[in-house]
């Protein structure tokens, strides 16, 4: 059950990062861009949950770290996608 909470925290962190990025741009909501962030958040949740299976216990710090890691994966993925798009254009 602990792995579920870690995965959920990582997923929520990615979604929060995506929503914060959208609010910062002041552009209309684009579901296509948001769906890419949801996919990155899901990848972060799975990856962090798998890595967490090697840890002992669950604490508030573990949940906070998973949330921050999920946000970081979304931000990094967004930057990489932006750099690839800029090179093509």
PDB file of N, CA and C in Angstrom:
ATOM      1  N   UNK A   1       0.816  -1.201   0.000  1.00  0.00           N
ATOM      2  CA  UNK A   1       0.000   0.000   0.000  1.00  0.00           C
ATOM      3  C   UNK A   1       0.857   1.261   0.000  1.00  0.00           C
ATOM      4  N   UNK A   2       2.041   1.202   0.613  1.00  0.00           N
ATOM      5  CA  UNK A   2       2.920   2.368   0.637  1.00  0.00           C
ATOM      6  C   UNK A   2       3.326   2.788  -0.766  1.00  0.00           C
ATOM      7  N   UNK A   3       3.532   1.823  -1.635  1.00  0.00           N
ATOM      8  CA  UNK A   3       3.931   2.137  -3.011  1.00  0.00           C
ATOM      9  C   UNK A   3       2.828   2.926  -3.707  1.00  0.00           C
ATOM     10  N   UNK A   4       1.578   2.617  -3.411  1.00  0.00           N
ATOM     11  CA  UNK A   4       0.464   3.363  -3.992  1.00  0.00           C
ATOM     12  C   UNK A   4       0.523   4.835  -3.603  1.00  0.00           C
ATOM     13  N   UNK A   5       0.774   5.108  -2.325  1.00  0.00           N
ATOM     14  CA  UNK A   5       0.820   6.509  -1.863  1.00  0.00           C
ATOM     15  C   UNK A   5       1.985   7.262  -2.487  1.00  0.00           C
ATOM     16  N   UNK A   6       3.112   6.579  -2.648  1.00  0.00           N
ATOM     17  CA  UNK A   6       4.273   7.204  -3.286  1.00  0.00           C
ATOM     18  C   UNK A   6       3.950   7.509  -4.751  1.00  0.00           C
ATOM     19  N   UNK A   7       3.358   6.552  -5.441  1.00  0.00           N
ATOM     20  CA  UNK A   7       3.000   6.762  -6.855  1.00  0.00           C
ATOM     21  C   UNK A   7       1.985   7.890  -6.986  1.00  0.00           C
ATOM     22  N   UNK A   8       1.007   7.919  -6.105  1.00  0.00           N
ATOM     23  CA  UNK A   8      -0.008   8.979  -6.145  1.00  0.00           C
ATOM     24  C   UNK A   8       0.623  10.349  -5.905  1.00  0.00           C
ATOM     25  N   UNK A   9       1.528  10.430  -4.946  1.00  0.00           N
ATOM     26  CA  UNK A   9       2.189  11.708  -4.663  1.00  0.00           C
ATOM     27  C   UNK A   9       3.010  12.171  -5.866  1.00  0.00           C
ATOM     28  N   UNK A  10       3.717  11.255  -6.517  1.00  0.00           N
ATOM     29  CA  UNK A  10       4.511  11.621  -7.689  1.00  0.00           C
ATOM     30  C   UNK A  10       3.599  12.082  -8.829  1.00  0.00           C
ATOM     31  N   UNK A  11       2.489  11.386  -9.024  1.00  0.00           N
ATOM     32  CA  UNK A  11       1.545  11.767 -10.070  1.00  0.00           C
ATOM     33  C   UNK A  11       0.952  13.150  -9.798  1.00  0.00           C
ATOM     34  N   UNK A  12       0.543  13.387  -8.574  1.00  0.00           N
ATOM     35  CA  UNK A  12      -0.028  14.689  -8.199  1.00  0.00           C
ATOM     36  C   UNK A  12       1.013  15.793  -8.358  1.00  0.00           C
ATOM     37  N   UNK A  13       2.262  15.503  -8.013  1.00  0.00           N
ATOM     38  CA  UNK A  13       3.322  16.496  -8.200  1.00  0.00           C
ATOM     39  C   UNK A  13       3.479  16.889  -9.656  1.00  0.00           C
ATOM     40  N   UNK A  14       3.421  15.904 -10.550  1.00  0.00           N
ATOM     41  CA  UNK A  14       3.506  16.196 -11.981  1.00  0.00           C
ATOM     42  C   UNK A  14       2.327  17.024 -12.468  1.00  0.00           C
ATOM     43  N   UNK A  15       1.136  16.710 -11.991  1.00  0.00           N
ATOM     44  CA  UNK A  15      -0.066  17.460 -12.391  1.00  0.00           C
ATOM     45  C   UNK A  15       0.000  18.889 -11.861  1.00  0.00           C
ATOM     46  N   UNK A  16       0.446  19.059 -10.626  1.00  0.00           N
ATOM     47  CA  UNK A  16       0.574  20.413 -10.059  1.00  0.00           C
ATOM     48  C   UNK A  16       1.577  21.231 -10.867  1.00  0.00           C
ATOM     49  N   UNK A  17       2.694  20.614 -11.243  1.00  0.00           N
ATOM     50  CA  UNK A  17       3.685  21.332 -12.054  1.00  0.00           C
ATOM     51  C   UNK A  17       3.101  21.725 -13.404  1.00  0.00           C
ATOM     52  N   UNK A  18       2.323  20.842 -13.998  1.00  0.00           N
ATOM     53  CA  UNK A  18       1.701  21.142 -15.291  1.00  0.00           C
ATOM     54  C   UNK A  18       0.695  22.284 -15.165  1.00  0.00           C
ATOM     55  N   UNK A  19      -0.122  22.243 -14.140  1.00  0.00           N
ATOM     56  CA  UNK A  19      -1.106  23.313 -13.938  1.00  0.00           C
ATOM     57  C   UNK A  19      -0.431  24.642 -13.632  1.00  0.00           C
ATOM     58  N   UNK A  20       0.628  24.609 -12.841  1.00  0.00           N
ATOM     59  CA  UNK A  20       1.357  25.846 -12.532  1.00  0.00           C
ATOM     60  C   UNK A  20       1.985  26.424 -13.803  1.00  0.00           C
ATOM     61  N   UNK A  21       2.525  25.570 -14.648  1.00  0.00           N
ATOM     62  CA  UNK A  21       3.095  26.036 -15.917  1.00  0.00           C
ATOM     63  C   UNK A  21       2.048  26.653 -16.815  1.00  0.00           C
ATOM     64  N   UNK A  22       0.870  26.037 -16.866  1.00  0.00           N
ATOM     65  CA  UNK A  22      -0.215  26.581 -17.683  1.00  0.00           C
ATOM     66  C   UNK A  22      -0.686  27.927 -17.137  1.00  0.00           C
ATOM     67  N   UNK A  23      -0.831  28.040 -15.825  1.00  0.00           N
ATOM     68  CA  UNK A  23      -1.258  29.308 -15.237  1.00  0.00           C
ATOM     69  C   UNK A  23      -0.238  30.416 -15.492  1.00  0.00           C
ATOM     70  N   UNK A  24       1.036  30.059 -15.514  1.00  0.00           N
ATOM     71  CA  UNK A  24       2.087  31.047 -15.743  1.00  0.00           C
ATOM     72  C   UNK A  24       2.042  31.604 -17.166  1.00  0.00           C
ATOM     73  N   UNK A  25       1.669  30.774 -18.142  1.00  0.00           N
ATOM     74  CA  UNK A  25       1.670  31.221 -19.539  1.00  0.00           C
ATOM     75  C   UNK A  25       0.514  32.152 -19.861  1.00  0.00           C
ATOM     76  N   UNK A  26      -0.557  32.074 -19.129  1.00  0.00           N
ATOM     77  CA  UNK A  26      -1.771  32.868 -19.366  1.00  0.00           C
ATOM     78  C   UNK A  26      -2.351  32.623 -20.755  1.00  0.00           C
ATOM     79  N   UNK A  27      -2.102  31.431 -21.297  1.00  0.00           N
ATOM     80  CA  UNK A  27      -2.678  31.020 -22.577  1.00  0.00           C
ATOM     81  C   UNK A  27      -3.966  30.248 -22.315  1.00  0.00           C
ATOM     82  N   UNK A  28      -4.813  30.113 -23.350  1.00  0.00           N
ATOM     83  CA  UNK A  28      -5.999  29.269 -23.170  1.00  0.00           C
ATOM     84  C   UNK A  28      -5.580  27.816 -22.919  1.00  0.00           C
ATOM     85  N   UNK A  29      -6.428  27.082 -22.216  1.00  0.00           N
ATOM     86  CA  UNK A  29      -6.120  25.690 -21.889  1.00  0.00           C
ATOM     87  C   UNK A  29      -6.046  24.865 -23.169  1.00  0.00           C
ATOM     88  N   UNK A  30      -4.961  24.080 -23.292  1.00  0.00           N
ATOM     89  CA  UNK A  30      -4.758  23.222 -24.456  1.00  0.00           C
ATOM     90  C   UNK A  30      -4.742  21.774 -23.967  1.00  0.00           C
ATOM     91  N   UNK A  31      -5.814  21.023 -24.206  1.00  0.00           N
ATOM     92  CA  UNK A  31      -5.871  19.647 -23.701  1.00  0.00           C
ATOM     93  C   UNK A  31      -4.748  18.755 -24.239  1.00  0.00           C
ATOM     94  N   UNK A  32      -4.272  19.001 -25.448  1.00  0.00           N
ATOM     95  CA  UNK A  32      -3.199  18.186 -26.028  1.00  0.00           C
ATOM     96  C   UNK A  32      -1.909  18.340 -25.215  1.00  0.00           C
ATOM     97  N   UNK A  33      -1.567  19.574 -24.890  1.00  0.00           N
ATOM     98  CA  UNK A  33      -0.370  19.811 -24.078  1.00  0.00           C
ATOM     99  C   UNK A  33      -0.542  19.234 -22.675  1.00  0.00           C
ATOM    100  N   UNK A  34      -1.742  19.379 -22.126  1.00  0.00           N
ATOM    101  CA  UNK A  34      -1.977  18.871 -20.779  1.00  0.00           C
ATOM    102  C   UNK A  34      -1.926  17.346 -20.752  1.00  0.00           C
ATOM    103  N   UNK A  35      -2.409  16.700 -21.808  1.00  0.00           N
ATOM    104  CA  UNK A  35      -2.363  15.235 -21.845  1.00  0.00           C
ATOM    105  C   UNK A  35      -0.919  14.735 -21.872  1.00  0.00           C
ATOM    106  N   UNK A  36      -0.015  15.481 -22.505  1.00  0.00           N
ATOM    107  CA  UNK A  36       1.401  15.105 -22.485  1.00  0.00           C
ATOM    108  C   UNK A  36       1.947  15.202 -21.068  1.00  0.00           C
ATOM    109  N   UNK A  37       1.531  16.202 -20.324  1.00  0.00           N
ATOM    110  CA  UNK A  37       1.963  16.338 -18.925  1.00  0.00           C
ATOM    111  C   UNK A  37       1.393  15.221 -18.063  1.00  0.00           C
ATOM    112  N   UNK A  38       0.167  14.818 -18.339  1.00  0.00           N
ATOM    113  CA  UNK A  38      -0.429  13.704 -17.602  1.00  0.00           C
ATOM    114  C   UNK A  38       0.361  12.424 -17.873  1.00  0.00           C
ATOM    115  N   UNK A  39       0.757  12.214 -19.116  1.00  0.00           N
ATOM    116  CA  UNK A  39       1.551  11.034 -19.457  1.00  0.00           C
ATOM    117  C   UNK A  39       2.909  11.062 -18.749  1.00  0.00           C
ATOM    118  N   UNK A  40       3.555  12.223 -18.702  1.00  0.00           N
ATOM    119  CA  UNK A  40       4.836  12.336 -17.994  1.00  0.00           C
ATOM    120  C   UNK A  40       4.648  12.105 -16.498  1.00  0.00           C
ATOM    121  N   UNK A  41       3.550  12.597 -15.942  1.00  0.00           N
ATOM    122  CA  UNK A  41       3.273  12.381 -14.522  1.00  0.00           C
ATOM    123  C   UNK A  41       3.051  10.899 -14.234  1.00  0.00           C
ATOM    124  N   UNK A  42       2.408  10.210 -15.151  1.00  0.00           N
ATOM    125  CA  UNK A  42       2.189   8.773 -14.986  1.00  0.00           C
ATOM    126  C   UNK A  42       3.513   8.007 -15.045  1.00  0.00           C
ATOM    127  N   UNK A  43       4.383   8.388 -15.964  1.00  0.00           N
ATOM    128  CA  UNK A  43       5.712   7.761 -16.050  1.00  0.00           C
ATOM    129  C   UNK A  43       6.495   8.026 -14.761  1.00  0.00           C
ATOM    130  N   UNK A  44       6.426   9.247 -14.260  1.00  0.00           N
ATOM    131  CA  UNK A  44       7.112   9.578 -13.003  1.00  0.00           C
ATOM    132  C   UNK A  44       6.556   8.737 -11.858  1.00  0.00           C
ATOM    133  N   UNK A  45       5.239   8.603 -11.797  1.00  0.00           N
ATOM    134  CA  UNK A  45       4.621   7.826 -10.721  1.00  0.00           C
ATOM    135  C   UNK A  45       5.086   6.379 -10.749  1.00  0.00           C
ATOM    136  N   UNK A  46       5.113   5.788 -11.922  1.00  0.00           N
ATOM    137  CA  UNK A  46       5.540   4.392 -12.039  1.00  0.00           C
ATOM    138  C   UNK A  46       7.022   4.250 -11.684  1.00  0.00           C
ATOM    139  N   UNK A  47       7.855   5.122 -12.231  1.00  0.00           N
ATOM    140  CA  UNK A  47       9.283   5.039 -11.974  1.00  0.00           C
ATOM    141  C   UNK A  47       9.636   5.243 -10.517  1.00  0.00           C
ATOM    142  N   UNK A  48       9.015   6.207  -9.890  1.00  0.00           N
ATOM    143  CA  UNK A  48       9.315   6.498  -8.491  1.00  0.00           C
ATOM    144  C   UNK A  48       8.757   5.390  -7.590  1.00  0.00           C
ATOM    145  N   UNK A  49       7.598   4.845  -7.935  1.00  0.00           N
ATOM    146  CA  UNK A  49       7.042   3.743  -7.149  1.00  0.00           C
ATOM    147  C   UNK A  49       7.931   2.503  -7.236  1.00  0.00           C
ATOM    148  N   UNK A  50       8.454   2.229  -8.421  1.00  0.00           N
ATOM    149  CA  UNK A  50       9.360   1.084  -8.574  1.00  0.00           C
ATOM    150  C   UNK A  50      10.634   1.312  -7.767  1.00  0.00           C
ATOM    151  N   UNK A  51      11.186   2.499  -7.842  1.00  0.00           N
ATOM    152  CA  UNK A  51      12.405   2.799  -7.070  1.00  0.00           C
ATOM    153  C   UNK A  51      12.123   2.744  -5.576  1.00  0.00           C
ATOM    154  N   UNK A  52      10.937   3.139  -5.161  1.00  0.00           N
ATOM    155  CA  UNK A  52      10.602   3.177  -3.738  1.00  0.00           C
ATOM    156  C   UNK A  52      10.474   1.786  -3.136  1.00  0.00           C
ATOM    157  N   UNK A  53      10.227   0.774  -3.955  1.00  0.00           N
ATOM    158  CA  UNK A  53      10.081  -0.580  -3.415  1.00  0.00           C
ATOM    159  C   UNK A  53      11.344  -1.044  -2.702  1.00  0.00           C
ATOM    160  N   UNK A  54      12.467  -0.379  -2.949  1.00  0.00           N
ATOM    161  CA  UNK A  54      13.716  -0.733  -2.287  1.00  0.00           C
ATOM    162  C   UNK A  54      13.929   0.032  -0.985  1.00  0.00           C
ATOM    163  N   UNK A  55      13.027   0.925  -0.627  1.00  0.00           N
ATOM    164  CA  UNK A  55      13.161   1.725   0.597  1.00  0.00           C
ATOM    165  C   UNK A  55      12.413   1.059   1.755  1.00  0.00           C
ATOM    166  N   UNK A  56      12.673   1.524   2.943  1.00  0.00           N
ATOM    167  CA  UNK A  56      11.998   0.991   4.139  1.00  0.00           C
ATOM    168  C   UNK A  56      11.041   2.030   4.688  1.00  0.00           C
ATOM    169  N   UNK A  57       9.807   1.628   4.956  1.00  0.00           N
ATOM    170  CA  UNK A  57       8.861   2.505   5.631  1.00  0.00           C
ATOM    171  C   UNK A  57       8.286   3.595   4.742  1.00  0.00           C
ATOM    172  N   UNK A  58       7.439   4.394   5.361  1.00  0.00           N
ATOM    173  CA  UNK A  58       6.792   5.508   4.677  1.00  0.00           C
ATOM    174  C   UNK A  58       6.615   6.633   5.686  1.00  0.00           C
ATOM    175  N   UNK A  59       7.056   7.818   5.320  1.00  0.00           N
ATOM    176  CA  UNK A  59       6.897   8.973   6.199  1.00  0.00           C
ATOM    177  C   UNK A  59       6.453  10.168   5.369  1.00  0.00           C
ATOM    178  N   UNK A  60       6.179  11.252   6.038  1.00  0.00           N
ATOM    179  CA  UNK A  60       5.768  12.477   5.342  1.00  0.00           C
ATOM    180  C   UNK A  60       6.885  12.966   4.421  1.00  0.00           C
ATOM    181  N   UNK A  61       8.119  12.761   4.808  1.00  0.00           N
ATOM    182  CA  UNK A  61       9.249  13.170   3.957  1.00  0.00           C
ATOM    183  C   UNK A  61       9.273  12.354   2.668  1.00  0.00           C
ATOM    184  N   UNK A  62       8.957  11.064   2.759  1.00  0.00           N
ATOM    185  CA  UNK A  62       8.906  10.222   1.562  1.00  0.00           C
ATOM    186  C   UNK A  62       7.837  10.724   0.589  1.00  0.00           C
ATOM    187  N   UNK A  63       6.677  11.068   1.123  1.00  0.00           N
ATOM    188  CA  UNK A  63       5.595  11.582   0.283  1.00  0.00           C
ATOM    189  C   UNK A  63       5.997  12.914  -0.352  1.00  0.00           C
ATOM    190  N   UNK A  64       6.599  13.792   0.415  1.00  0.00           N
ATOM    191  CA  UNK A  64       7.030  15.094  -0.109  1.00  0.00           C
ATOM    192  C   UNK A  64       8.086  14.922  -1.197  1.00  0.00           C
ATOM    193  N   UNK A  65       9.019  14.016  -0.996  1.00  0.00           N
ATOM    194  CA  UNK A  65      10.061  13.781  -2.005  1.00  0.00           C
ATOM    195  C   UNK A  65       9.461  13.214  -3.289  1.00  0.00           C
ATOM    196  N   UNK A  66       8.483  12.326  -3.168  1.00  0.00           N
ATOM    197  CA  UNK A  66       7.821  11.783  -4.358  1.00  0.00           C
ATOM    198  C   UNK A  66       7.062  12.877  -5.097  1.00  0.00           C
ATOM    199  N   UNK A  67       6.404  13.758  -4.358  1.00  0.00           N
ATOM    200  CA  UNK A  67       5.671  14.867  -4.975  1.00  0.00           C
ATOM    201  C   UNK A  67       6.632  15.771  -5.747  1.00  0.00           C
ATOM    202  N   UNK A  68       7.754  16.098  -5.129  1.00  0.00           N
ATOM    203  CA  UNK A  68       8.741  16.955  -5.789  1.00  0.00           C
ATOM    204  C   UNK A  68       9.385  16.253  -6.986  1.00  0.00           C
ATOM    205  N   UNK A  69       9.615  14.970  -6.865  1.00  0.00           N
ATOM    206  CA  UNK A  69      10.208  14.221  -7.975  1.00  0.00           C
ATOM    207  C   UNK A  69       9.244  14.170  -9.155  1.00  0.00           C
ATOM    208  N   UNK A  70       7.967  13.976  -8.885  1.00  0.00           N
ATOM    209  CA  UNK A  70       6.969  13.987  -9.962  1.00  0.00           C
ATOM    210  C   UNK A  70       6.912  15.327 -10.661  1.00  0.00           C
ATOM    211  N   UNK A  71       6.990  16.394  -9.896  1.00  0.00           N
ATOM    212  CA  UNK A  71       7.006  17.738 -10.483  1.00  0.00           C
ATOM    213  C   UNK A  71       8.264  17.941 -11.320  1.00  0.00           C
ATOM    214  N   UNK A  72       9.383  17.448 -10.829  1.00  0.00           N
ATOM    215  CA  UNK A  72      10.646  17.587 -11.559  1.00  0.00           C
ATOM    216  C   UNK A  72      10.645  16.836 -12.870  1.00  0.00           C
ATOM    217  N   UNK A  73      10.071  15.636 -12.889  1.00  0.00           N
ATOM    218  CA  UNK A  73       9.999  14.858 -14.129  1.00  0.00           C
ATOM    219  C   UNK A  73       9.153  15.595 -15.152  1.00  0.00           C
ATOM    220  N   UNK A  74       8.030  16.168 -14.727  1.00  0.00           N
ATOM    221  CA  UNK A  74       7.196  16.908 -15.666  1.00  0.00           C
ATOM    222  C   UNK A  74       7.927  18.128 -16.210  1.00  0.00           C
ATOM    223  N   UNK A  75       8.591  18.863 -15.361  1.00  0.00           N
ATOM    224  CA  UNK A  75       9.317  20.061 -15.806  1.00  0.00           C
ATOM    225  C   UNK A  75      10.450  19.706 -16.757  1.00  0.00           C
ATOM    226  N   UNK A  76      11.201  18.669 -16.420  1.00  0.00           N
ATOM    227  CA  UNK A  76      12.290  18.240 -17.292  1.00  0.00           C
ATOM    228  C   UNK A  76      11.754  17.762 -18.640  1.00  0.00           C
ATOM    229  N   UNK A  77      10.698  16.974 -18.615  1.00  0.00           N
ATOM    230  CA  UNK A  77      10.101  16.502 -19.869  1.00  0.00           C
ATOM    231  C   UNK A  77       9.587  17.641 -20.724  1.00  0.00           C
ATOM    232  N   UNK A  78       9.010  18.644 -20.099  1.00  0.00           N
ATOM    233  CA  UNK A  78       8.512  19.811 -20.821  1.00  0.00           C
ATOM    234  C   UNK A  78       9.660  20.576 -21.471  1.00  0.00           C
ATOM    235  N   UNK A  79      10.758  20.729 -20.756  1.00  0.00           N
ATOM    236  CA  UNK A  79      11.928  21.438 -21.308  1.00  0.00           C
ATOM    237  C   UNK A  79      12.528  20.684 -22.490  1.00  0.00           C
ATOM    238  N   UNK A  80      12.635  19.359 -22.357  1.00  0.00           N
ATOM    239  CA  UNK A  80      13.195  18.546 -23.444  1.00  0.00           C
ATOM    240  C   UNK A  80      12.291  18.615 -24.674  1.00  0.00           C
ATOM    241  N   UNK A  81      10.990  18.506 -24.477  1.00  0.00           N
ATOM    242  CA  UNK A  81      10.053  18.589 -25.605  1.00  0.00           C
ATOM    243  C   UNK A  81      10.135  19.959 -26.261  1.00  0.00           C
ATOM    244  N   UNK A  82      10.265  21.023 -25.461  1.00  0.00           N
ATOM    245  CA  UNK A  82      10.399  22.368 -26.020  1.00  0.00           C
ATOM    246  C   UNK A  82      11.683  22.539 -26.809  1.00  0.00           C
ATOM    247  N   UNK A  83      12.774  21.943 -26.329  1.00  0.00           N
ATOM    248  CA  UNK A  83      14.041  22.054 -27.040  1.00  0.00           C
ATOM    249  C   UNK A  83      13.996  21.298 -28.368  1.00  0.00           C
ATOM    250  N   UNK A  84      13.365  20.147 -28.374  1.00  0.00           N
ATOM    251  CA  UNK A  84      13.229  19.384 -29.626  1.00  0.00           C
ATOM    252  C   UNK A  84      12.371  20.143 -30.628  1.00  0.00           C
ATOM    253  N   UNK A  85      11.294  20.717 -30.156  1.00  0.00           N
ATOM    254  CA  UNK A  85      10.413  21.490 -31.041  1.00  0.00           C
ATOM    255  C   UNK A  85      11.147  22.707 -31.588  1.00  0.00           C
ATOM    256  N   UNK A  86      11.938  23.376 -30.768  1.00  0.00           N
ATOM    257  CA  UNK A  86      12.667  24.565 -31.218  1.00  0.00           C
ATOM    258  C   UNK A  86      13.709  24.209 -32.271  1.00  0.00           C
ATOM    259  N   UNK A  87      14.327  23.053 -32.145  1.00  0.00           N
ATOM    260  CA  UNK A  87      15.322  22.632 -33.143  1.00  0.00           C
ATOM    261  C   UNK A  87      14.687  22.341 -34.483  1.00  0.00           C
ATOM    262  N   UNK A  88      13.481  21.779 -34.464  1.00  0.00           N
ATOM    263  CA  UNK A  88      12.783  21.445 -35.713  1.00  0.00           C
ATOM    264  C   UNK A  88      12.303  22.688 -36.436  1.00  0.00           C
ATOM    265  N   UNK A  89      11.910  23.689 -35.648  1.00  0.00           N
ATOM    266  CA  UNK A  89      11.246  24.866 -36.188  1.00  0.00           C
ATOM    267  C   UNK A  89      12.182  25.840 -36.758  1.00  0.00           C
TER     268      UNK A  89
END
